[in-house]
Amino acid sequence: MSVDQLRQAIPTLAAEVPAERHNRTNFERKIQERLLRAMHAFLERGGEASAIDLWSWLKKIPTQHYHLKEGGAFSVDYFSSHPELRHEIQAMVLDEQKGHGCHFANFRLSQMAAGFVLTDSDLAFHLESLVLREHNLIGFADHWRDVVEWALLNPERFAVAERVARAQAETRPELQAIVTEIESRPSPAWEREEEQRQRRWELKERRRSESRHRHYAEAREAIRCGQHLSAVDTIAAAYLGLFSEVSEMDDPVNRVEWLVGPNNVEATLQGLSAACQRKDLPAPRADSQPRNRRE
């Protein structure tokens, strides 16, 4: 189909898709798939549509939509090169989800297309846009709270948006009160539970390390002379990075220190050297020769 034909077909298909996004019949799902394919082809071939038109087609997209996910990379590229469309559609969803939190709006946007997911620069844009549109909005404070809350609760993702929000709040006490309220909230229960689990794990690991370090301290002199072969074997494995706990460490001495503790590093490294110089141990190749002959 040509771009013009697709442009005419898409509204017709969209009109046949029910507004309710769940529990669709097989026939309705087939129409939905045809709509998604037609939209993808229309945009990919250079078709142009307003944000209002795109929203009227996209807002009926359910949670599960295989074909649009299939075109996820295309949607990211397309809406990155058309930021005005992306921002207008994001604003429509933010308005629709007012009072429910920006994370719900972002989830809804991700359902429709990967190219709509809110980025740091998007959030900063919407904060500035909200202030410019303040007198035309009903419940400006609720809109602003939704966006600022998302930024403040995810500072590692939205550093630019956070700076914009704080700059806006500096000159407006009512906005500063919103920032203060968000930041003074107690941590959610799941976060406190996660912190407790983390502390318990760290305590358990610290006790395991202390016990392991004591073990090597007690055998320090036997290891230093290269006599404690089982310990030397474990130390060599750590030195070579064969344990998952030390595989990311570049320095072999640091790997050994993790295993034996800082007070035992010197003795264990001397033990590795001493074990390598022992004459009473068979070389690996010599040890394998009898077995090879038997085979």
C-alpha atoms as a PDB file:
ATOM      1  CA  MET A   1       0.000   0.000   0.000  1.00  0.00           C
ATOM      2  CA  SER A   2       1.112   3.554  -0.679  1.00  0.00           C
ATOM      3  CA  VAL A   3       1.597   6.142   2.048  1.00  0.00           C
ATOM      4  CA  ASP A   4      -1.686   7.827   1.079  1.00  0.00           C
ATOM      5  CA  GLN A   5      -3.550   4.517   1.190  1.00  0.00           C
ATOM      6  CA  LEU A   6      -2.058   3.725   4.594  1.00  0.00           C
ATOM      7  CA  ARG A   7      -3.051   7.182   5.828  1.00  0.00           C
ATOM      8  CA  GLN A   8      -6.645   6.486   4.849  1.00  0.00           C
ATOM      9  CA  ALA A   9      -6.669   2.921   6.196  1.00  0.00           C
ATOM     10  CA  ILE A  10      -5.223   3.616   9.646  1.00  0.00           C
ATOM     11  CA  PRO A  11      -8.146   5.684  11.050  1.00  0.00           C
ATOM     12  CA  THR A  12     -10.584   3.082   9.735  1.00  0.00           C
ATOM     13  CA  LEU A  13      -8.696   0.265  11.440  1.00  0.00           C
ATOM     14  CA  ALA A  14      -8.329   2.310  14.650  1.00  0.00           C
ATOM     15  CA  ALA A  15     -12.079   2.909  14.726  1.00  0.00           C
ATOM     16  CA  GLU A  16     -12.657  -0.869  14.682  1.00  0.00           C
ATOM     17  CA  VAL A  17     -10.408  -1.456  17.700  1.00  0.00           C
ATOM     18  CA  PRO A  18     -12.423  -1.206  20.959  1.00  0.00           C
ATOM     19  CA  ALA A  19     -11.467   1.407  23.525  1.00  0.00           C
ATOM     20  CA  GLU A  20     -11.271  -1.312  26.213  1.00  0.00           C
ATOM     21  CA  ARG A  21      -7.712  -2.649  25.975  1.00  0.00           C
ATOM     22  CA  HIS A  22      -8.317  -6.010  27.659  1.00  0.00           C
ATOM     23  CA  ASN A  23     -10.197  -9.237  26.887  1.00  0.00           C
ATOM     24  CA  ARG A  24     -10.289  -8.697  23.147  1.00  0.00           C
ATOM     25  CA  THR A  25     -11.662 -11.319  20.777  1.00  0.00           C
ATOM     26  CA  ASN A  26      -9.468 -13.037  18.181  1.00  0.00           C
ATOM     27  CA  PHE A  27     -11.065 -10.897  15.472  1.00  0.00           C
ATOM     28  CA  GLU A  28     -10.324  -7.690  17.414  1.00  0.00           C
ATOM     29  CA  ARG A  29      -6.722  -8.783  17.997  1.00  0.00           C
ATOM     30  CA  LYS A  30      -6.273  -9.368  14.270  1.00  0.00           C
ATOM     31  CA  ILE A  31      -7.529  -5.856  13.525  1.00  0.00           C
ATOM     32  CA  GLN A  32      -5.182  -4.532  16.200  1.00  0.00           C
ATOM     33  CA  GLU A  33      -2.230  -6.303  14.565  1.00  0.00           C
ATOM     34  CA  ARG A  34      -3.163  -4.899  11.160  1.00  0.00           C
ATOM     35  CA  LEU A  35      -3.362  -1.415  12.703  1.00  0.00           C
ATOM     36  CA  LEU A  36       0.082  -1.791  14.244  1.00  0.00           C
ATOM     37  CA  ARG A  37       1.594  -3.049  10.990  1.00  0.00           C
ATOM     38  CA  ALA A  38      -0.026  -0.204   9.046  1.00  0.00           C
ATOM     39  CA  MET A  39       1.208   2.454  11.510  1.00  0.00           C
ATOM     40  CA  HIS A  40       4.735   1.068  11.406  1.00  0.00           C
ATOM     41  CA  ALA A  41       4.745   0.992   7.587  1.00  0.00           C
ATOM     42  CA  PHE A  42       3.223   4.487   7.348  1.00  0.00           C
ATOM     43  CA  LEU A  43       5.882   6.084   9.541  1.00  0.00           C
ATOM     44  CA  GLU A  44       8.724   4.027   8.110  1.00  0.00           C
ATOM     45  CA  ARG A  45       7.843   5.145   4.557  1.00  0.00           C
ATOM     46  CA  GLY A  46       7.868   8.819   5.470  1.00  0.00           C
ATOM     47  CA  GLY A  47       4.229   9.370   6.332  1.00  0.00           C
ATOM     48  CA  GLU A  48       3.470  12.363   8.538  1.00  0.00           C
ATOM     49  CA  ALA A  49       0.834  12.619  11.249  1.00  0.00           C
ATOM     50  CA  SER A  50       0.067  15.056  14.029  1.00  0.00           C
ATOM     51  CA  ALA A  51       0.520  14.134  17.669  1.00  0.00           C
ATOM     52  CA  ILE A  52      -3.264  14.172  18.105  1.00  0.00           C
ATOM     53  CA  ASP A  53      -3.685  11.665  15.256  1.00  0.00           C
ATOM     54  CA  LEU A  54      -0.921   9.413  16.578  1.00  0.00           C
ATOM     55  CA  TRP A  55      -2.409   9.514  20.049  1.00  0.00           C
ATOM     56  CA  SER A  56      -5.873   8.622  18.739  1.00  0.00           C
ATOM     57  CA  TRP A  57      -4.355   5.513  17.117  1.00  0.00           C
ATOM     58  CA  LEU A  58      -1.913   4.564  19.851  1.00  0.00           C
ATOM     59  CA  LYS A  59      -4.091   4.989  22.932  1.00  0.00           C
ATOM     60  CA  LYS A  60      -5.919   1.742  22.146  1.00  0.00           C
ATOM     61  CA  ILE A  61      -2.703  -0.298  22.282  1.00  0.00           C
ATOM     62  CA  PRO A  62      -2.898  -2.983  25.011  1.00  0.00           C
ATOM     63  CA  THR A  63      -0.130  -4.191  27.275  1.00  0.00           C
ATOM     64  CA  GLN A  64       0.799  -7.063  24.937  1.00  0.00           C
ATOM     65  CA  HIS A  65       1.592  -5.829  21.443  1.00  0.00           C
ATOM     66  CA  TYR A  66       4.086  -7.992  19.602  1.00  0.00           C
ATOM     67  CA  HIS A  67       4.432  -6.071  16.353  1.00  0.00           C
ATOM     68  CA  LEU A  68       5.110  -2.690  17.934  1.00  0.00           C
ATOM     69  CA  LYS A  69       7.738  -4.259  20.171  1.00  0.00           C
ATOM     70  CA  GLU A  70       9.205  -5.760  17.028  1.00  0.00           C
ATOM     71  CA  GLY A  71       9.614  -2.211  15.742  1.00  0.00           C
ATOM     72  CA  GLY A  72      11.027  -0.905  19.012  1.00  0.00           C
ATOM     73  CA  ALA A  73      14.362   0.170  17.547  1.00  0.00           C
ATOM     74  CA  PHE A  74      12.555   1.981  14.734  1.00  0.00           C
ATOM     75  CA  SER A  75      10.283   3.823  17.177  1.00  0.00           C
ATOM     76  CA  VAL A  76      13.280   4.982  19.245  1.00  0.00           C
ATOM     77  CA  ASP A  77      15.032   6.325  16.134  1.00  0.00           C
ATOM     78  CA  TYR A  78      11.877   7.858  14.679  1.00  0.00           C
ATOM     79  CA  PHE A  79      10.673   9.694  17.782  1.00  0.00           C
ATOM     80  CA  SER A  80      14.219  10.754  18.686  1.00  0.00           C
ATOM     81  CA  SER A  81      14.308  12.567  15.334  1.00  0.00           C
ATOM     82  CA  HIS A  82      10.792  13.991  15.948  1.00  0.00           C
ATOM     83  CA  PRO A  83      11.066  15.296  19.527  1.00  0.00           C
ATOM     84  CA  GLU A  84       8.058  17.597  19.135  1.00  0.00           C
ATOM     85  CA  LEU A  85       5.807  14.593  18.466  1.00  0.00           C
ATOM     86  CA  ARG A  86       7.337  12.631  21.330  1.00  0.00           C
ATOM     87  CA  HIS A  87       6.893  15.519  23.768  1.00  0.00           C
ATOM     88  CA  GLU A  88       3.292  16.207  22.715  1.00  0.00           C
ATOM     89  CA  ILE A  89       2.272  12.566  23.135  1.00  0.00           C
ATOM     90  CA  GLN A  90       4.129  12.305  26.443  1.00  0.00           C
ATOM     91  CA  ALA A  91       2.281  15.425  27.640  1.00  0.00           C
ATOM     92  CA  MET A  92      -1.068  13.873  26.671  1.00  0.00           C
ATOM     93  CA  VAL A  93      -0.276  10.726  28.672  1.00  0.00           C
ATOM     94  CA  LEU A  94       0.995  12.743  31.642  1.00  0.00           C
ATOM     95  CA  ASP A  95      -2.251  14.722  31.607  1.00  0.00           C
ATOM     96  CA  GLU A  96      -4.269  11.508  31.366  1.00  0.00           C
ATOM     97  CA  GLN A  97      -2.422   9.960  34.306  1.00  0.00           C
ATOM     98  CA  LYS A  98      -2.447  13.079  36.529  1.00  0.00           C
ATOM     99  CA  GLY A  99      -2.579  12.134  40.185  1.00  0.00           C
ATOM    100  CA  HIS A 100      -1.477   8.544  39.579  1.00  0.00           C
ATOM    101  CA  GLY A 101       2.243   9.241  39.479  1.00  0.00           C
ATOM    102  CA  CYS A 102       4.675   9.713  36.646  1.00  0.00           C
ATOM    103  CA  HIS A 103       5.749   6.071  36.815  1.00  0.00           C
ATOM    104  CA  PHE A 104       2.274   5.012  35.659  1.00  0.00           C
ATOM    105  CA  ALA A 105       2.474   7.456  32.763  1.00  0.00           C
ATOM    106  CA  ASN A 106       5.915   6.140  31.846  1.00  0.00           C
ATOM    107  CA  PHE A 107       4.607   2.571  31.945  1.00  0.00           C
ATOM    108  CA  ARG A 108       1.728   3.542  29.660  1.00  0.00           C
ATOM    109  CA  LEU A 109       4.161   5.237  27.257  1.00  0.00           C
ATOM    110  CA  SER A 110       6.381   2.155  27.160  1.00  0.00           C
ATOM    111  CA  GLN A 111       3.333   0.051  26.297  1.00  0.00           C
ATOM    112  CA  MET A 112       2.712   2.101  23.177  1.00  0.00           C
ATOM    113  CA  ALA A 113       6.276   2.420  21.853  1.00  0.00           C
ATOM    114  CA  ALA A 114       9.831   2.256  23.171  1.00  0.00           C
ATOM    115  CA  GLY A 115      10.461   5.674  21.614  1.00  0.00           C
ATOM    116  CA  PHE A 116       8.079   7.353  24.083  1.00  0.00           C
ATOM    117  CA  VAL A 117       9.814   6.283  27.310  1.00  0.00           C
ATOM    118  CA  LEU A 118      10.647   9.334  29.425  1.00  0.00           C
ATOM    119  CA  THR A 119      14.322  10.330  29.453  1.00  0.00           C
ATOM    120  CA  ASP A 120      16.082  12.850  31.672  1.00  0.00           C
ATOM    121  CA  SER A 121      15.845  15.572  29.019  1.00  0.00           C
ATOM    122  CA  ASP A 122      12.158  14.735  28.430  1.00  0.00           C
ATOM    123  CA  LEU A 123      11.351  15.153  32.117  1.00  0.00           C
ATOM    124  CA  ALA A 124      13.231  18.473  32.254  1.00  0.00           C
ATOM    125  CA  PHE A 125      11.302  19.651  29.184  1.00  0.00           C
ATOM    126  CA  HIS A 126       7.946  18.764  30.751  1.00  0.00           C
ATOM    127  CA  LEU A 127       8.808  20.565  33.983  1.00  0.00           C
ATOM    128  CA  GLU A 128       9.568  23.729  32.048  1.00  0.00           C
ATOM    129  CA  SER A 129       6.493  23.238  29.867  1.00  0.00           C
ATOM    130  CA  LEU A 130       4.231  22.831  32.897  1.00  0.00           C
ATOM    131  CA  VAL A 131       5.324  26.181  34.304  1.00  0.00           C
ATOM    132  CA  LEU A 132       4.707  27.852  30.930  1.00  0.00           C
ATOM    133  CA  ARG A 133       1.239  26.261  30.696  1.00  0.00           C
ATOM    134  CA  GLU A 134       0.384  26.785  34.360  1.00  0.00           C
ATOM    135  CA  HIS A 135      -2.502  29.198  33.813  1.00  0.00           C
ATOM    136  CA  ASN A 136      -4.127  26.845  31.311  1.00  0.00           C
ATOM    137  CA  LEU A 137      -3.938  23.799  33.569  1.00  0.00           C
ATOM    138  CA  ILE A 138      -6.397  22.597  36.170  1.00  0.00           C
ATOM    139  CA  GLY A 139      -4.469  21.288  39.151  1.00  0.00           C
ATOM    140  CA  PHE A 140      -1.027  22.553  38.159  1.00  0.00           C
ATOM    141  CA  ALA A 141       0.449  21.552  41.533  1.00  0.00           C
ATOM    142  CA  ASP A 142      -0.661  17.928  41.057  1.00  0.00           C
ATOM    143  CA  HIS A 143       0.877  17.821  37.577  1.00  0.00           C
ATOM    144  CA  TRP A 144       4.128  19.308  38.855  1.00  0.00           C
ATOM    145  CA  ARG A 145       4.217  16.970  41.863  1.00  0.00           C
ATOM    146  CA  ASP A 146       3.887  13.876  39.642  1.00  0.00           C
ATOM    147  CA  VAL A 147       6.844  14.837  37.456  1.00  0.00           C
ATOM    148  CA  VAL A 148       9.047  16.118  40.297  1.00  0.00           C
ATOM    149  CA  GLU A 149       8.394  13.036  42.421  1.00  0.00           C
ATOM    150  CA  TRP A 150       9.627  10.780  39.601  1.00  0.00           C
ATOM    151  CA  ALA A 151      12.783  12.887  39.255  1.00  0.00           C
ATOM    152  CA  LEU A 152      13.558  13.128  42.972  1.00  0.00           C
ATOM    153  CA  LEU A 153      12.995   9.434  43.625  1.00  0.00           C
ATOM    154  CA  ASN A 154      15.293   8.479  40.724  1.00  0.00           C
ATOM    155  CA  PRO A 155      18.135  11.045  40.925  1.00  0.00           C
ATOM    156  CA  GLU A 156      20.662   8.773  39.216  1.00  0.00           C
ATOM    157  CA  ARG A 157      18.427   8.686  36.095  1.00  0.00           C
ATOM    158  CA  PHE A 158      17.035  12.223  36.129  1.00  0.00           C
ATOM    159  CA  ALA A 159      19.833  14.515  37.315  1.00  0.00           C
ATOM    160  CA  VAL A 160      19.005  17.293  34.826  1.00  0.00           C
ATOM    161  CA  ALA A 161      15.280  17.180  35.649  1.00  0.00           C
ATOM    162  CA  GLU A 162      16.102  17.301  39.361  1.00  0.00           C
ATOM    163  CA  ARG A 163      18.178  20.456  38.866  1.00  0.00           C
ATOM    164  CA  VAL A 164      15.347  22.087  36.902  1.00  0.00           C
ATOM    165  CA  ALA A 165      12.826  21.182  39.613  1.00  0.00           C
ATOM    166  CA  ARG A 166      14.976  22.606  42.405  1.00  0.00           C
ATOM    167  CA  ALA A 167      15.594  25.798  40.439  1.00  0.00           C
ATOM    168  CA  GLN A 168      11.839  26.236  39.927  1.00  0.00           C
ATOM    169  CA  ALA A 169      11.140  25.580  43.601  1.00  0.00           C
ATOM    170  CA  GLU A 170      13.712  28.113  44.827  1.00  0.00           C
ATOM    171  CA  THR A 171      11.519  31.084  43.906  1.00  0.00           C
ATOM    172  CA  ARG A 172       8.138  29.538  44.700  1.00  0.00           C
ATOM    173  CA  PRO A 173       7.354  28.478  48.285  1.00  0.00           C
ATOM    174  CA  GLU A 174       4.407  26.299  47.234  1.00  0.00           C
ATOM    175  CA  LEU A 175       6.674  24.257  44.952  1.00  0.00           C
ATOM    176  CA  GLN A 176       9.415  24.101  47.586  1.00  0.00           C
ATOM    177  CA  ALA A 177       6.821  22.689  49.998  1.00  0.00           C
ATOM    178  CA  ILE A 178       6.161  19.854  47.518  1.00  0.00           C
ATOM    179  CA  VAL A 179       9.894  19.102  47.231  1.00  0.00           C
ATOM    180  CA  THR A 180      10.255  19.117  51.037  1.00  0.00           C
ATOM    181  CA  GLU A 181       7.272  16.794  51.467  1.00  0.00           C
ATOM    182  CA  ILE A 182       8.627  14.297  48.914  1.00  0.00           C
ATOM    183  CA  GLU A 183      12.102  14.282  50.436  1.00  0.00           C
ATOM    184  CA  SER A 184      10.823  13.926  54.021  1.00  0.00           C
ATOM    185  CA  ARG A 185       8.753  10.821  53.323  1.00  0.00           C
ATOM    186  CA  PRO A 186       9.896   7.653  55.103  1.00  0.00           C
ATOM    187  CA  SER A 187      11.424   4.982  52.919  1.00  0.00           C
ATOM    188  CA  PRO A 188       8.868   2.516  51.539  1.00  0.00           C
ATOM    189  CA  ALA A 189       8.547  -0.820  53.329  1.00  0.00           C
ATOM    190  CA  TRP A 190      10.143  -2.784  50.467  1.00  0.00           C
ATOM    191  CA  GLU A 191      13.169  -0.480  50.504  1.00  0.00           C
ATOM    192  CA  ARG A 192      13.625  -0.866  54.265  1.00  0.00           C
ATOM    193  CA  GLU A 193      13.333  -4.639  53.913  1.00  0.00           C
ATOM    194  CA  GLU A 194      15.931  -4.614  51.146  1.00  0.00           C
ATOM    195  CA  GLU A 195      18.291  -2.555  53.319  1.00  0.00           C
ATOM    196  CA  GLN A 196      17.833  -5.029  56.165  1.00  0.00           C
ATOM    197  CA  ARG A 197      18.555  -7.967  53.846  1.00  0.00           C
ATOM    198  CA  GLN A 198      21.654  -6.158  52.585  1.00  0.00           C
ATOM    199  CA  ARG A 199      22.905  -5.520  56.121  1.00  0.00           C
ATOM    200  CA  ARG A 200      22.315  -9.161  57.087  1.00  0.00           C
ATOM    201  CA  TRP A 201      24.197 -10.332  53.997  1.00  0.00           C
ATOM    202  CA  GLU A 202      27.097  -7.956  54.679  1.00  0.00           C
ATOM    203  CA  LEU A 203      27.299  -9.142  58.305  1.00  0.00           C
ATOM    204  CA  LYS A 204      27.306 -12.783  57.177  1.00  0.00           C
ATOM    205  CA  GLU A 205      30.028 -12.104  54.595  1.00  0.00           C
ATOM    206  CA  ARG A 206      32.131 -10.203  57.121  1.00  0.00           C
ATOM    207  CA  ARG A 207      31.952 -13.087  59.597  1.00  0.00           C
ATOM    208  CA  ARG A 208      32.861 -15.570  56.864  1.00  0.00           C
ATOM    209  CA  SER A 209      35.840 -13.428  55.881  1.00  0.00           C
ATOM    210  CA  GLU A 210      37.018 -13.051  59.461  1.00  0.00           C
ATOM    211  CA  SER A 211      36.779 -16.824  60.003  1.00  0.00           C
ATOM    212  CA  ARG A 212      38.678 -17.510  56.779  1.00  0.00           C
ATOM    213  CA  HIS A 213      41.378 -14.972  57.650  1.00  0.00           C
ATOM    214  CA  ARG A 214      41.823 -16.560  61.114  1.00  0.00           C
ATOM    215  CA  HIS A 215      42.251 -19.949  59.473  1.00  0.00           C
ATOM    216  CA  TYR A 216      45.088 -18.683  57.298  1.00  0.00           C
ATOM    217  CA  ALA A 217      46.642 -16.790  60.219  1.00  0.00           C
ATOM    218  CA  GLU A 218      46.812 -20.007  62.240  1.00  0.00           C
ATOM    219  CA  ALA A 219      48.538 -21.798  59.362  1.00  0.00           C
ATOM    220  CA  ARG A 220      50.683 -18.815  58.367  1.00  0.00           C
ATOM    221  CA  GLU A 221      54.120 -20.317  59.073  1.00  0.00           C
ATOM    222  CA  ALA A 222      53.318 -23.661  57.424  1.00  0.00           C
ATOM    223  CA  ILE A 223      52.054 -21.761  54.377  1.00  0.00           C
ATOM    224  CA  ARG A 224      55.123 -19.479  54.334  1.00  0.00           C
ATOM    225  CA  CYS A 225      57.384 -22.539  54.040  1.00  0.00           C
ATOM    226  CA  GLY A 226      55.255 -24.059  51.272  1.00  0.00           C
ATOM    227  CA  GLN A 227      54.342 -27.039  53.472  1.00  0.00           C
ATOM    228  CA  HIS A 228      50.560 -26.548  53.753  1.00  0.00           C
ATOM    229  CA  LEU A 229      49.797 -27.724  50.227  1.00  0.00           C
ATOM    230  CA  SER A 230      45.983 -27.663  50.408  1.00  0.00           C
ATOM    231  CA  ALA A 231      46.095 -24.040  51.555  1.00  0.00           C
ATOM    232  CA  VAL A 232      48.706 -23.164  48.928  1.00  0.00           C
ATOM    233  CA  ASP A 233      46.506 -24.741  46.257  1.00  0.00           C
ATOM    234  CA  THR A 234      43.540 -22.568  47.285  1.00  0.00           C
ATOM    235  CA  ILE A 235      45.749 -19.478  47.415  1.00  0.00           C
ATOM    236  CA  ALA A 236      47.057 -20.212  43.915  1.00  0.00           C
ATOM    237  CA  ALA A 237      43.485 -20.518  42.630  1.00  0.00           C
ATOM    238  CA  ALA A 238      42.655 -17.109  44.114  1.00  0.00           C
ATOM    239  CA  TYR A 239      45.873 -15.647  42.672  1.00  0.00           C
ATOM    240  CA  LEU A 240      44.819 -16.821  39.199  1.00  0.00           C
ATOM    241  CA  GLY A 241      41.290 -15.420  39.629  1.00  0.00           C
ATOM    242  CA  LEU A 242      39.519 -18.777  39.544  1.00  0.00           C
ATOM    243  CA  PHE A 243      36.953 -17.807  42.198  1.00  0.00           C
ATOM    244  CA  SER A 244      33.881 -15.869  41.071  1.00  0.00           C
ATOM    245  CA  GLU A 245      34.275 -13.465  44.011  1.00  0.00           C
ATOM    246  CA  VAL A 246      37.654 -12.264  42.719  1.00  0.00           C
ATOM    247  CA  SER A 247      37.253 -12.688  38.958  1.00  0.00           C
ATOM    248  CA  GLU A 248      36.664  -8.937  38.500  1.00  0.00           C
ATOM    249  CA  MET A 249      39.848  -7.959  40.383  1.00  0.00           C
ATOM    250  CA  ASP A 250      42.749  -7.131  38.063  1.00  0.00           C
ATOM    251  CA  ASP A 251      45.548  -7.314  40.655  1.00  0.00           C
ATOM    252  CA  PRO A 252      46.361 -10.904  41.730  1.00  0.00           C
ATOM    253  CA  VAL A 253      47.697  -9.632  45.079  1.00  0.00           C
ATOM    254  CA  ASN A 254      44.280  -8.109  45.801  1.00  0.00           C
ATOM    255  CA  ARG A 255      42.690 -11.461  45.016  1.00  0.00           C
ATOM    256  CA  VAL A 256      44.962 -13.183  47.528  1.00  0.00           C
ATOM    257  CA  GLU A 257      44.249 -10.478  50.114  1.00  0.00           C
ATOM    258  CA  TRP A 258      40.501 -11.097  49.749  1.00  0.00           C
ATOM    259  CA  LEU A 259      41.098 -14.778  50.532  1.00  0.00           C
ATOM    260  CA  VAL A 260      43.643 -14.652  53.360  1.00  0.00           C
ATOM    261  CA  GLY A 261      43.309 -11.149  54.821  1.00  0.00           C
ATOM    262  CA  PRO A 262      45.776  -8.234  54.695  1.00  0.00           C
ATOM    263  CA  ASN A 263      47.903  -9.534  57.584  1.00  0.00           C
ATOM    264  CA  ASN A 264      48.615 -12.825  55.822  1.00  0.00           C
ATOM    265  CA  VAL A 265      49.339 -11.659  52.265  1.00  0.00           C
ATOM    266  CA  GLU A 266      53.128 -11.518  52.570  1.00  0.00           C
ATOM    267  CA  ALA A 267      53.386 -15.016  54.099  1.00  0.00           C
ATOM    268  CA  THR A 268      51.071 -16.558  51.505  1.00  0.00           C
ATOM    269  CA  LEU A 269      52.958 -15.058  48.560  1.00  0.00           C
ATOM    270  CA  GLN A 270      56.197 -16.396  50.058  1.00  0.00           C
ATOM    271  CA  GLY A 271      54.468 -19.753  50.434  1.00  0.00           C
ATOM    272  CA  LEU A 272      53.538 -19.822  46.732  1.00  0.00           C
ATOM    273  CA  SER A 273      57.160 -19.185  45.803  1.00  0.00           C
ATOM    274  CA  ALA A 274      58.439 -21.778  48.328  1.00  0.00           C
ATOM    275  CA  ALA A 275      56.034 -24.455  47.068  1.00  0.00           C
ATOM    276  CA  CYS A 276      57.186 -23.867  43.484  1.00  0.00           C
ATOM    277  CA  GLN A 277      60.803 -24.464  44.539  1.00  0.00           C
ATOM    278  CA  ARG A 278      60.206 -27.719  46.402  1.00  0.00           C
ATOM    279  CA  LYS A 279      62.115 -30.650  44.884  1.00  0.00           C
ATOM    280  CA  ASP A 280      60.051 -33.371  46.549  1.00  0.00           C
ATOM    281  CA  LEU A 281      56.901 -32.616  44.533  1.00  0.00           C
ATOM    282  CA  PRO A 282      56.443 -34.229  41.104  1.00  0.00           C
ATOM    283  CA  ALA A 283      56.009 -31.886  38.169  1.00  0.00           C
ATOM    284  CA  PRO A 284      52.531 -31.987  36.600  1.00  0.00           C
ATOM    285  CA  ARG A 285      53.909 -33.432  33.355  1.00  0.00           C
ATOM    286  CA  ALA A 286      55.877 -36.116  35.166  1.00  0.00           C
ATOM    287  CA  ASP A 287      52.822 -36.999  37.225  1.00  0.00           C
ATOM    288  CA  SER A 288      50.779 -37.529  34.071  1.00  0.00           C
ATOM    289  CA  GLN A 289      53.230 -39.889  32.318  1.00  0.00           C
ATOM    290  CA  PRO A 290      52.403 -43.131  34.229  1.00  0.00           C
ATOM    291  CA  ARG A 291      48.724 -42.564  33.674  1.00  0.00           C
ATOM    292  CA  ASN A 292      49.311 -42.014  29.937  1.00  0.00           C
ATOM    293  CA  ARG A 293      51.315 -45.239  29.684  1.00  0.00           C
ATOM    294  CA  ARG A 294      48.555 -47.211  31.382  1.00  0.00           C
ATOM    295  CA  GLU A 295      46.031 -45.762  28.957  1.00  0.00           C
END
